PDB file of N, CA and C in Angstrom:
ATOM      1  N   UNK A   1     180.437 166.495 153.127  1.00  0.00           N
ATOM      2  CA  UNK A   1     181.248 168.110 152.240  1.00  0.00           C
ATOM      3  C   UNK A   1     182.553 167.736 151.862  1.00  0.00           C
ATOM      4  N   UNK A   2     182.641 168.068 150.537  1.00  0.00           N
ATOM      5  CA  UNK A   2     184.029 167.656 150.028  1.00  0.00           C
ATOM      6  C   UNK A   2     185.005 168.398 150.602  1.00  0.00           C
ATOM      7  N   UNK A   3     186.305 167.500 150.935  1.00  0.00           N
ATOM      8  CA  UNK A   3     187.632 168.381 150.589  1.00  0.00           C
ATOM      9  C   UNK A   3     188.494 168.028 149.749  1.00  0.00           C
ATOM     10  N   UNK A   4     189.449 168.840 150.036  1.00  0.00           N
ATOM     11  CA  UNK A   4     191.029 168.723 148.754  1.00  0.00           C
ATOM     12  C   UNK A   4     191.487 167.527 149.376  1.00  0.00           C
ATOM     13  N   UNK A   5     192.376 166.651 148.915  1.00  0.00           N
ATOM     14  CA  UNK A   5     193.578 165.807 149.944  1.00  0.00           C
ATOM     15  C   UNK A   5     194.081 165.266 148.304  1.00  0.00           C
ATOM     16  N   UNK A   6     195.674 165.609 149.185  1.00  0.00           N
ATOM     17  CA  UNK A   6     197.122 164.958 148.341  1.00  0.00           C
ATOM     18  C   UNK A   6     197.164 163.727 148.661  1.00  0.00           C
ATOM     19  N   UNK A   7     197.208 162.421 148.504  1.00  0.00           N
ATOM     20  CA  UNK A   7     197.595 161.037 148.336  1.00  0.00           C
ATOM     21  C   UNK A   7     198.871 161.107 147.982  1.00  0.00           C
ATOM     22  N   UNK A   8     199.920 160.559 148.516  1.00  0.00           N
ATOM     23  CA  UNK A   8     201.052 159.888 148.360  1.00  0.00           C
ATOM     24  C   UNK A   8     201.664 159.028 148.377  1.00  0.00           C
ATOM     25  N   UNK A   9     202.191 157.757 147.600  1.00  0.00           N
ATOM     26  CA  UNK A   9     201.972 156.869 147.355  1.00  0.00           C
ATOM     27  C   UNK A   9     203.871 156.809 147.143  1.00  0.00           C
ATOM     28  N   UNK A  10     204.501 156.020 147.965  1.00  0.00           N
ATOM     29  CA  UNK A  10     205.480 155.263 147.656  1.00  0.00           C
ATOM     30  C   UNK A  10     205.468 153.520 147.102  1.00  0.00           C
ATOM     31  N   UNK A  11     205.602 153.383 146.287  1.00  0.00           N
ATOM     32  CA  UNK A  11     205.702 151.792 145.188  1.00  0.00           C
ATOM     33  C   UNK A  11     207.320 151.675 145.621  1.00  0.00           C
ATOM     34  N   UNK A  12     207.413 150.960 146.157  1.00  0.00           N
ATOM     35  CA  UNK A  12     208.740 150.367 146.611  1.00  0.00           C
ATOM     36  C   UNK A  12     208.991 148.984 146.002  1.00  0.00           C
ATOM     37  N   UNK A  13     208.673 148.538 145.304  1.00  0.00           N
ATOM     38  CA  UNK A  13     209.253 147.348 144.200  1.00  0.00           C
ATOM     39  C   UNK A  13     207.884 147.871 143.060  1.00  0.00           C
ATOM     40  N   UNK A  14     207.999 148.844 141.891  1.00  0.00           N
ATOM     41  CA  UNK A  14     207.246 148.829 141.083  1.00  0.00           C
ATOM     42  C   UNK A  14     206.563 147.385 140.048  1.00  0.00           C
ATOM     43  N   UNK A  15     207.202 146.743 140.235  1.00  0.00           N
ATOM     44  CA  UNK A  15     207.149 145.797 138.673  1.00  0.00           C
ATOM     45  C   UNK A  15     205.760 144.777 139.787  1.00  0.00           C
ATOM     46  N   UNK A  16     206.436 144.986 141.337  1.00  0.00           N
ATOM     47  CA  UNK A  16     205.060 143.770 141.902  1.00  0.00           C
ATOM     48  C   UNK A  16     203.801 144.051 141.762  1.00  0.00           C
ATOM     49  N   UNK A  17     203.950 146.002 142.005  1.00  0.00           N
ATOM     50  CA  UNK A  17     202.477 146.174 142.529  1.00  0.00           C
ATOM     51  C   UNK A  17     201.650 147.047 141.600  1.00  0.00           C
ATOM     52  N   UNK A  18     202.312 147.792 140.846  1.00  0.00           N
ATOM     53  CA  UNK A  18     201.627 148.724 139.750  1.00  0.00           C
ATOM     54  C   UNK A  18     200.577 148.473 139.203  1.00  0.00           C
ATOM     55  N   UNK A  19     200.109 146.994 138.446  1.00  0.00           N
ATOM     56  CA  UNK A  19     199.091 146.988 138.274  1.00  0.00           C
ATOM     57  C   UNK A  19     197.896 147.017 139.121  1.00  0.00           C
ATOM     58  N   UNK A  20     198.011 146.373 140.357  1.00  0.00           N
ATOM     59  CA  UNK A  20     197.077 147.134 141.494  1.00  0.00           C
ATOM     60  C   UNK A  20     196.637 148.059 141.989  1.00  0.00           C
ATOM     61  N   UNK A  21     197.657 148.818 141.987  1.00  0.00           N
ATOM     62  CA  UNK A  21     197.595 149.826 141.919  1.00  0.00           C
ATOM     63  C   UNK A  21     196.865 150.819 141.174  1.00  0.00           C
ATOM     64  N   UNK A  22     197.265 150.614 139.998  1.00  0.00           N
ATOM     65  CA  UNK A  22     196.312 151.549 139.022  1.00  0.00           C
ATOM     66  C   UNK A  22     195.139 151.266 138.771  1.00  0.00           C
ATOM     67  N   UNK A  23     195.040 149.503 139.283  1.00  0.00           N
ATOM     68  CA  UNK A  23     193.294 149.349 139.226  1.00  0.00           C
ATOM     69  C   UNK A  23     192.507 149.560 140.361  1.00  0.00           C
ATOM     70  N   UNK A  24     193.162 150.354 141.475  1.00  0.00           N
ATOM     71  CA  UNK A  24     192.469 150.516 142.602  1.00  0.00           C
ATOM     72  C   UNK A  24     192.573 152.325 141.761  1.00  0.00           C
ATOM     73  N   UNK A  25     193.150 153.008 141.494  1.00  0.00           N
ATOM     74  CA  UNK A  25     193.504 154.076 141.024  1.00  0.00           C
ATOM     75  C   UNK A  25     191.846 154.353 139.974  1.00  0.00           C
ATOM     76  N   UNK A  26     191.855 153.582 139.022  1.00  0.00           N
ATOM     77  CA  UNK A  26     191.413 153.690 138.046  1.00  0.00           C
ATOM     78  C   UNK A  26     189.365 153.706 138.141  1.00  0.00           C
ATOM     79  N   UNK A  27     189.348 152.753 139.388  1.00  0.00           N
ATOM     80  CA  UNK A  27     188.043 152.933 139.971  1.00  0.00           C
ATOM     81  C   UNK A  27     187.816 153.939 140.605  1.00  0.00           C
ATOM     82  N   UNK A  28     189.036 154.639 141.115  1.00  0.00           N
ATOM     83  CA  UNK A  28     188.306 156.281 141.727  1.00  0.00           C
ATOM     84  C   UNK A  28     188.150 157.710 140.447  1.00  0.00           C
ATOM     85  N   UNK A  29     187.873 156.887 139.407  1.00  0.00           N
ATOM     86  CA  UNK A  29     188.855 158.845 138.817  1.00  0.00           C
ATOM     87  C   UNK A  29     187.659 159.262 138.803  1.00  0.00           C
ATOM     88  N   UNK A  30     186.311 159.344 139.043  1.00  0.00           N
ATOM     89  CA  UNK A  30     186.047 160.013 139.846  1.00  0.00           C
ATOM     90  C   UNK A  30     185.940 161.315 140.816  1.00  0.00           C
ATOM     91  N   UNK A  31     186.795 161.508 141.317  1.00  0.00           N
ATOM     92  CA  UNK A  31     187.659 161.971 142.585  1.00  0.00           C
ATOM     93  C   UNK A  31     188.729 162.686 142.310  1.00  0.00           C
ATOM     94  N   UNK A  32     189.586 161.820 141.305  1.00  0.00           N
ATOM     95  CA  UNK A  32     190.976 162.356 141.063  1.00  0.00           C
ATOM     96  C   UNK A  32     190.802 163.639 139.998  1.00  0.00           C
ATOM     97  N   UNK A  33     191.904 163.954 140.377  1.00  0.00           N
ATOM     98  CA  UNK A  33     191.543 165.928 139.610  1.00  0.00           C
ATOM     99  C   UNK A  33     193.233 165.674 139.449  1.00  0.00           C
ATOM    100  N   UNK A  34     194.523 164.637 139.426  1.00  0.00           N
ATOM    101  CA  UNK A  34     195.403 164.847 138.794  1.00  0.00           C
ATOM    102  C   UNK A  34     196.485 164.064 139.401  1.00  0.00           C
ATOM    103  N   UNK A  35     197.408 163.400 138.324  1.00  0.00           N
ATOM    104  CA  UNK A  35     198.147 161.869 139.636  1.00  0.00           C
ATOM    105  C   UNK A  35     199.595 162.517 138.815  1.00  0.00           C
ATOM    106  N   UNK A  36     200.758 162.597 139.759  1.00  0.00           N
ATOM    107  CA  UNK A  36     202.048 162.952 139.436  1.00  0.00           C
ATOM    108  C   UNK A  36     202.793 161.895 139.367  1.00  0.00           C
ATOM    109  N   UNK A  37     203.123 160.957 138.384  1.00  0.00           N
ATOM    110  CA  UNK A  37     204.806 159.575 139.119  1.00  0.00           C
ATOM    111  C   UNK A  37     205.973 159.825 138.614  1.00  0.00           C
ATOM    112  N   UNK A  38     206.768 159.943 139.449  1.00  0.00           N
ATOM    113  CA  UNK A  38     208.351 159.976 139.168  1.00  0.00           C
ATOM    114  C   UNK A  38     208.726 158.203 139.370  1.00  0.00           C
ATOM    115  N   UNK A  39     208.921 158.094 138.227  1.00  0.00           N
ATOM    116  CA  UNK A  39     209.872 156.517 138.573  1.00  0.00           C
ATOM    117  C   UNK A  39     211.233 157.034 138.728  1.00  0.00           C
ATOM    118  N   UNK A  40     211.418 156.029 139.935  1.00  0.00           N
ATOM    119  CA  UNK A  40     213.262 155.813 140.091  1.00  0.00           C
ATOM    120  C   UNK A  40     214.450 154.524 140.056  1.00  0.00           C
ATOM    121  N   UNK A  41     214.415 154.753 138.653  1.00  0.00           N
ATOM    122  CA  UNK A  41     214.352 153.377 138.434  1.00  0.00           C
ATOM    123  C   UNK A  41     215.962 152.113 138.970  1.00  0.00           C
ATOM    124  N   UNK A  42     216.122 153.662 139.026  1.00  0.00           N
ATOM    125  CA  UNK A  42     217.667 152.516 139.554  1.00  0.00           C
ATOM    126  C   UNK A  42     217.451 152.543 140.998  1.00  0.00           C
ATOM    127  N   UNK A  43     216.696 152.556 141.722  1.00  0.00           N
ATOM    128  CA  UNK A  43     216.330 152.570 143.004  1.00  0.00           C
ATOM    129  C   UNK A  43     215.135 151.888 143.370  1.00  0.00           C
ATOM    130  N   UNK A  44     214.672 151.231 141.558  1.00  0.00           N
ATOM    131  CA  UNK A  44     213.590 149.919 142.207  1.00  0.00           C
ATOM    132  C   UNK A  44     212.556 150.580 142.966  1.00  0.00           C
ATOM    133  N   UNK A  45     212.126 152.381 142.369  1.00  0.00           N
ATOM    134  CA  UNK A  45     211.267 152.726 143.225  1.00  0.00           C
ATOM    135  C   UNK A  45     209.744 153.920 142.450  1.00  0.00           C
ATOM    136  N   UNK A  46     209.135 154.015 142.938  1.00  0.00           N
ATOM    137  CA  UNK A  46     208.282 155.190 142.067  1.00  0.00           C
ATOM    138  C   UNK A  46     206.995 155.636 143.036  1.00  0.00           C
ATOM    139  N   UNK A  47     207.665 157.460 143.210  1.00  0.00           N
ATOM    140  CA  UNK A  47     206.538 158.014 144.238  1.00  0.00           C
ATOM    141  C   UNK A  47     205.444 158.831 143.271  1.00  0.00           C
ATOM    142  N   UNK A  48     204.750 158.807 143.883  1.00  0.00           N
ATOM    143  CA  UNK A  48     203.256 159.316 142.731  1.00  0.00           C
ATOM    144  C   UNK A  48     202.737 160.210 144.553  1.00  0.00           C
ATOM    145  N   UNK A  49     201.904 161.617 143.488  1.00  0.00           N
ATOM    146  CA  UNK A  49     200.848 162.296 144.227  1.00  0.00           C
ATOM    147  C   UNK A  49     199.985 162.327 143.266  1.00  0.00           C
ATOM    148  N   UNK A  50     198.819 161.639 144.350  1.00  0.00           N
ATOM    149  CA  UNK A  50     197.398 162.136 143.858  1.00  0.00           C
ATOM    150  C   UNK A  50     196.465 163.264 144.162  1.00  0.00           C
ATOM    151  N   UNK A  51     195.912 163.859 143.294  1.00  0.00           N
ATOM    152  CA  UNK A  51     195.100 165.672 144.206  1.00  0.00           C
ATOM    153  C   UNK A  51     194.083 164.561 143.408  1.00  0.00           C
ATOM    154  N   UNK A  52     192.964 164.728 145.084  1.00  0.00           N
ATOM    155  CA  UNK A  52     191.229 164.302 145.008  1.00  0.00           C
ATOM    156  C   UNK A  52     190.347 165.441 145.223  1.00  0.00           C
ATOM    157  N   UNK A  53     189.058 165.632 144.990  1.00  0.00           N
ATOM    158  CA  UNK A  53     188.299 166.164 145.623  1.00  0.00           C
ATOM    159  C   UNK A  53     187.036 165.206 145.672  1.00  0.00           C
ATOM    160  N   UNK A  54     186.691 165.181 146.993  1.00  0.00           N
ATOM    161  CA  UNK A  54     185.695 163.980 147.493  1.00  0.00           C
ATOM    162  C   UNK A  54     185.416 164.249 149.136  1.00  0.00           C
ATOM    163  N   UNK A  55     184.063 163.430 149.129  1.00  0.00           N
ATOM    164  CA  UNK A  55     183.345 163.359 150.164  1.00  0.00           C
ATOM    165  C   UNK A  55     184.527 162.627 150.931  1.00  0.00           C
ATOM    166  N   UNK A  56     184.969 162.865 152.715  1.00  0.00           N
ATOM    167  CA  UNK A  56     186.137 161.817 153.370  1.00  0.00           C
ATOM    168  C   UNK A  56     186.042 160.526 153.527  1.00  0.00           C
ATOM    169  N   UNK A  57     184.788 160.323 153.861  1.00  0.00           N
ATOM    170  CA  UNK A  57     184.179 158.385 153.380  1.00  0.00           C
ATOM    171  C   UNK A  57     185.443 157.850 152.322  1.00  0.00           C
ATOM    172  N   UNK A  58     184.823 158.952 151.221  1.00  0.00           N
ATOM    173  CA  UNK A  58     185.649 158.033 149.731  1.00  0.00           C
ATOM    174  C   UNK A  58     186.962 157.889 149.770  1.00  0.00           C
ATOM    175  N   UNK A  59     187.384 159.346 150.175  1.00  0.00           N
ATOM    176  CA  UNK A  59     188.457 159.232 150.254  1.00  0.00           C
ATOM    177  C   UNK A  59     189.909 158.252 151.038  1.00  0.00           C
ATOM    178  N   UNK A  60     189.222 158.428 151.691  1.00  0.00           N
ATOM    179  CA  UNK A  60     189.682 157.011 152.758  1.00  0.00           C
ATOM    180  C   UNK A  60     189.728 156.539 152.488  1.00  0.00           C
ATOM    181  N   UNK A  61     188.647 155.380 151.769  1.00  0.00           N
ATOM    182  CA  UNK A  61     188.491 154.470 151.103  1.00  0.00           C
ATOM    183  C   UNK A  61     189.418 154.017 150.202  1.00  0.00           C
ATOM    184  N   UNK A  62     189.442 155.030 149.467  1.00  0.00           N
ATOM    185  CA  UNK A  62     190.986 155.221 148.825  1.00  0.00           C
ATOM    186  C   UNK A  62     191.759 155.125 148.901  1.00  0.00           C
ATOM    187  N   UNK A  63     192.905 155.909 150.332  1.00  0.00           N
ATOM    188  CA  UNK A  63     193.710 155.130 150.748  1.00  0.00           C
ATOM    189  C   UNK A  63     193.541 154.154 151.584  1.00  0.00           C
ATOM    190  N   UNK A  64     193.033 154.028 151.658  1.00  0.00           N
ATOM    191  CA  UNK A  64     192.657 152.463 152.874  1.00  0.00           C
ATOM    192  C   UNK A  64     192.896 151.167 151.342  1.00  0.00           C
ATOM    193  N   UNK A  65     192.451 151.313 150.801  1.00  0.00           N
ATOM    194  CA  UNK A  65     192.684 150.480 149.316  1.00  0.00           C
ATOM    195  C   UNK A  65     194.308 150.208 148.682  1.00  0.00           C
ATOM    196  N   UNK A  66     194.862 151.249 148.425  1.00  0.00           N
ATOM    197  CA  UNK A  66     195.556 151.715 148.528  1.00  0.00           C
ATOM    198  C   UNK A  66     197.116 150.909 149.259  1.00  0.00           C
ATOM    199  N   UNK A  67     197.019 151.123 150.571  1.00  0.00           N
ATOM    200  CA  UNK A  67     197.723 151.003 151.373  1.00  0.00           C
ATOM    201  C   UNK A  67     197.705 149.924 151.568  1.00  0.00           C
ATOM    202  N   UNK A  68     196.830 148.668 150.999  1.00  0.00           N
ATOM    203  CA  UNK A  68     196.378 147.634 150.981  1.00  0.00           C
ATOM    204  C   UNK A  68     197.254 146.475 150.959  1.00  0.00           C
ATOM    205  N   UNK A  69     197.912 147.679 149.385  1.00  0.00           N
ATOM    206  CA  UNK A  69     198.314 146.846 148.030  1.00  0.00           C
ATOM    207  C   UNK A  69     200.149 146.152 149.191  1.00  0.00           C
ATOM    208  N   UNK A  70     200.495 145.290 149.101  1.00  0.00           N
ATOM    209  CA  UNK A  70     201.656 144.861 149.295  1.00  0.00           C
ATOM    210  C   UNK A  70     202.067 145.401 148.797  1.00  0.00           C
ATOM    211  N   UNK A  71     203.751 146.300 149.176  1.00  0.00           N
ATOM    212  CA  UNK A  71     205.045 146.336 149.339  1.00  0.00           C
ATOM    213  C   UNK A  71     204.569 148.612 148.430  1.00  0.00           C
ATOM    214  N   UNK A  72     203.306 149.217 148.451  1.00  0.00           N
ATOM    215  CA  UNK A  72     202.577 150.484 148.440  1.00  0.00           C
ATOM    216  C   UNK A  72     202.439 151.491 150.087  1.00  0.00           C
ATOM    217  N   UNK A  73     203.628 152.005 150.162  1.00  0.00           N
ATOM    218  CA  UNK A  73     203.268 152.928 151.684  1.00  0.00           C
ATOM    219  C   UNK A  73     202.637 154.277 150.840  1.00  0.00           C
ATOM    220  N   UNK A  74     201.796 154.553 151.545  1.00  0.00           N
ATOM    221  CA  UNK A  74     200.853 155.456 151.836  1.00  0.00           C
ATOM    222  C   UNK A  74     200.666 156.445 153.013  1.00  0.00           C
ATOM    223  N   UNK A  75     200.321 157.918 152.390  1.00  0.00           N
ATOM    224  CA  UNK A  75     200.091 159.269 153.513  1.00  0.00           C
ATOM    225  C   UNK A  75     198.899 159.944 152.560  1.00  0.00           C
ATOM    226  N   UNK A  76     197.664 160.701 153.408  1.00  0.00           N
ATOM    227  CA  UNK A  76     197.115 161.869 152.690  1.00  0.00           C
ATOM    228  C   UNK A  76     197.763 162.737 154.149  1.00  0.00           C
ATOM    229  N   UNK A  77     197.720 163.637 153.053  1.00  0.00           N
ATOM    230  CA  UNK A  77     197.034 165.250 153.509  1.00  0.00           C
ATOM    231  C   UNK A  77     195.734 166.222 153.101  1.00  0.00           C
ATOM    232  N   UNK A  78     194.998 166.348 154.032  1.00  0.00           N
ATOM    233  CA  UNK A  78     193.527 167.044 154.030  1.00  0.00           C
ATOM    234  C   UNK A  78     193.221 167.893 154.139  1.00  0.00           C
ATOM    235  N   UNK A  79     193.151 169.327 153.384  1.00  0.00           N
ATOM    236  CA  UNK A  79     192.726 170.089 153.735  1.00  0.00           C
ATOM    237  C   UNK A  79     191.273 170.419 154.527  1.00  0.00           C
ATOM    238  N   UNK A  80     191.305 171.409 155.444  1.00  0.00           N
ATOM    239  CA  UNK A  80     190.443 171.395 156.412  1.00  0.00           C
ATOM    240  C   UNK A  80     189.109 172.005 155.937  1.00  0.00           C
ATOM    241  N   UNK A  81     189.529 172.916 154.968  1.00  0.00           N
ATOM    242  CA  UNK A  81     188.094 173.639 154.465  1.00  0.00           C
ATOM    243  C   UNK A  81     187.175 172.849 154.243  1.00  0.00           C
ATOM    244  N   UNK A  82     186.091 172.971 154.111  1.00  0.00           N
ATOM    245  CA  UNK A  82     185.338 172.173 153.269  1.00  0.00           C
ATOM    246  C   UNK A  82     184.875 172.890 151.835  1.00  0.00           C
ATOM    247  N   UNK A  83     184.813 172.264 150.880  1.00  0.00           N
ATOM    248  CA  UNK A  83     183.798 172.840 149.667  1.00  0.00           C
ATOM    249  C   UNK A  83     182.749 172.649 149.180  1.00  0.00           C
TER     250      UNK A  83
END
């Protein structure tokens, strides 16, 4: 069953990791319903929220790949409701 999830990511040095982050996101565009990014240029940090609807194994795969990128911190909130 599919679930709704929000993936929150902090890119601590966007200039070093944003390209790899965007490449991973692009490869999961089928489950991504929305994305909001806030660049904090003064602090050299970007905060990104990604809304997904998908199977748990796919959401976990996306979260894992993002979390393996250096300078990227990731947390995921997943609904209990199955769609």
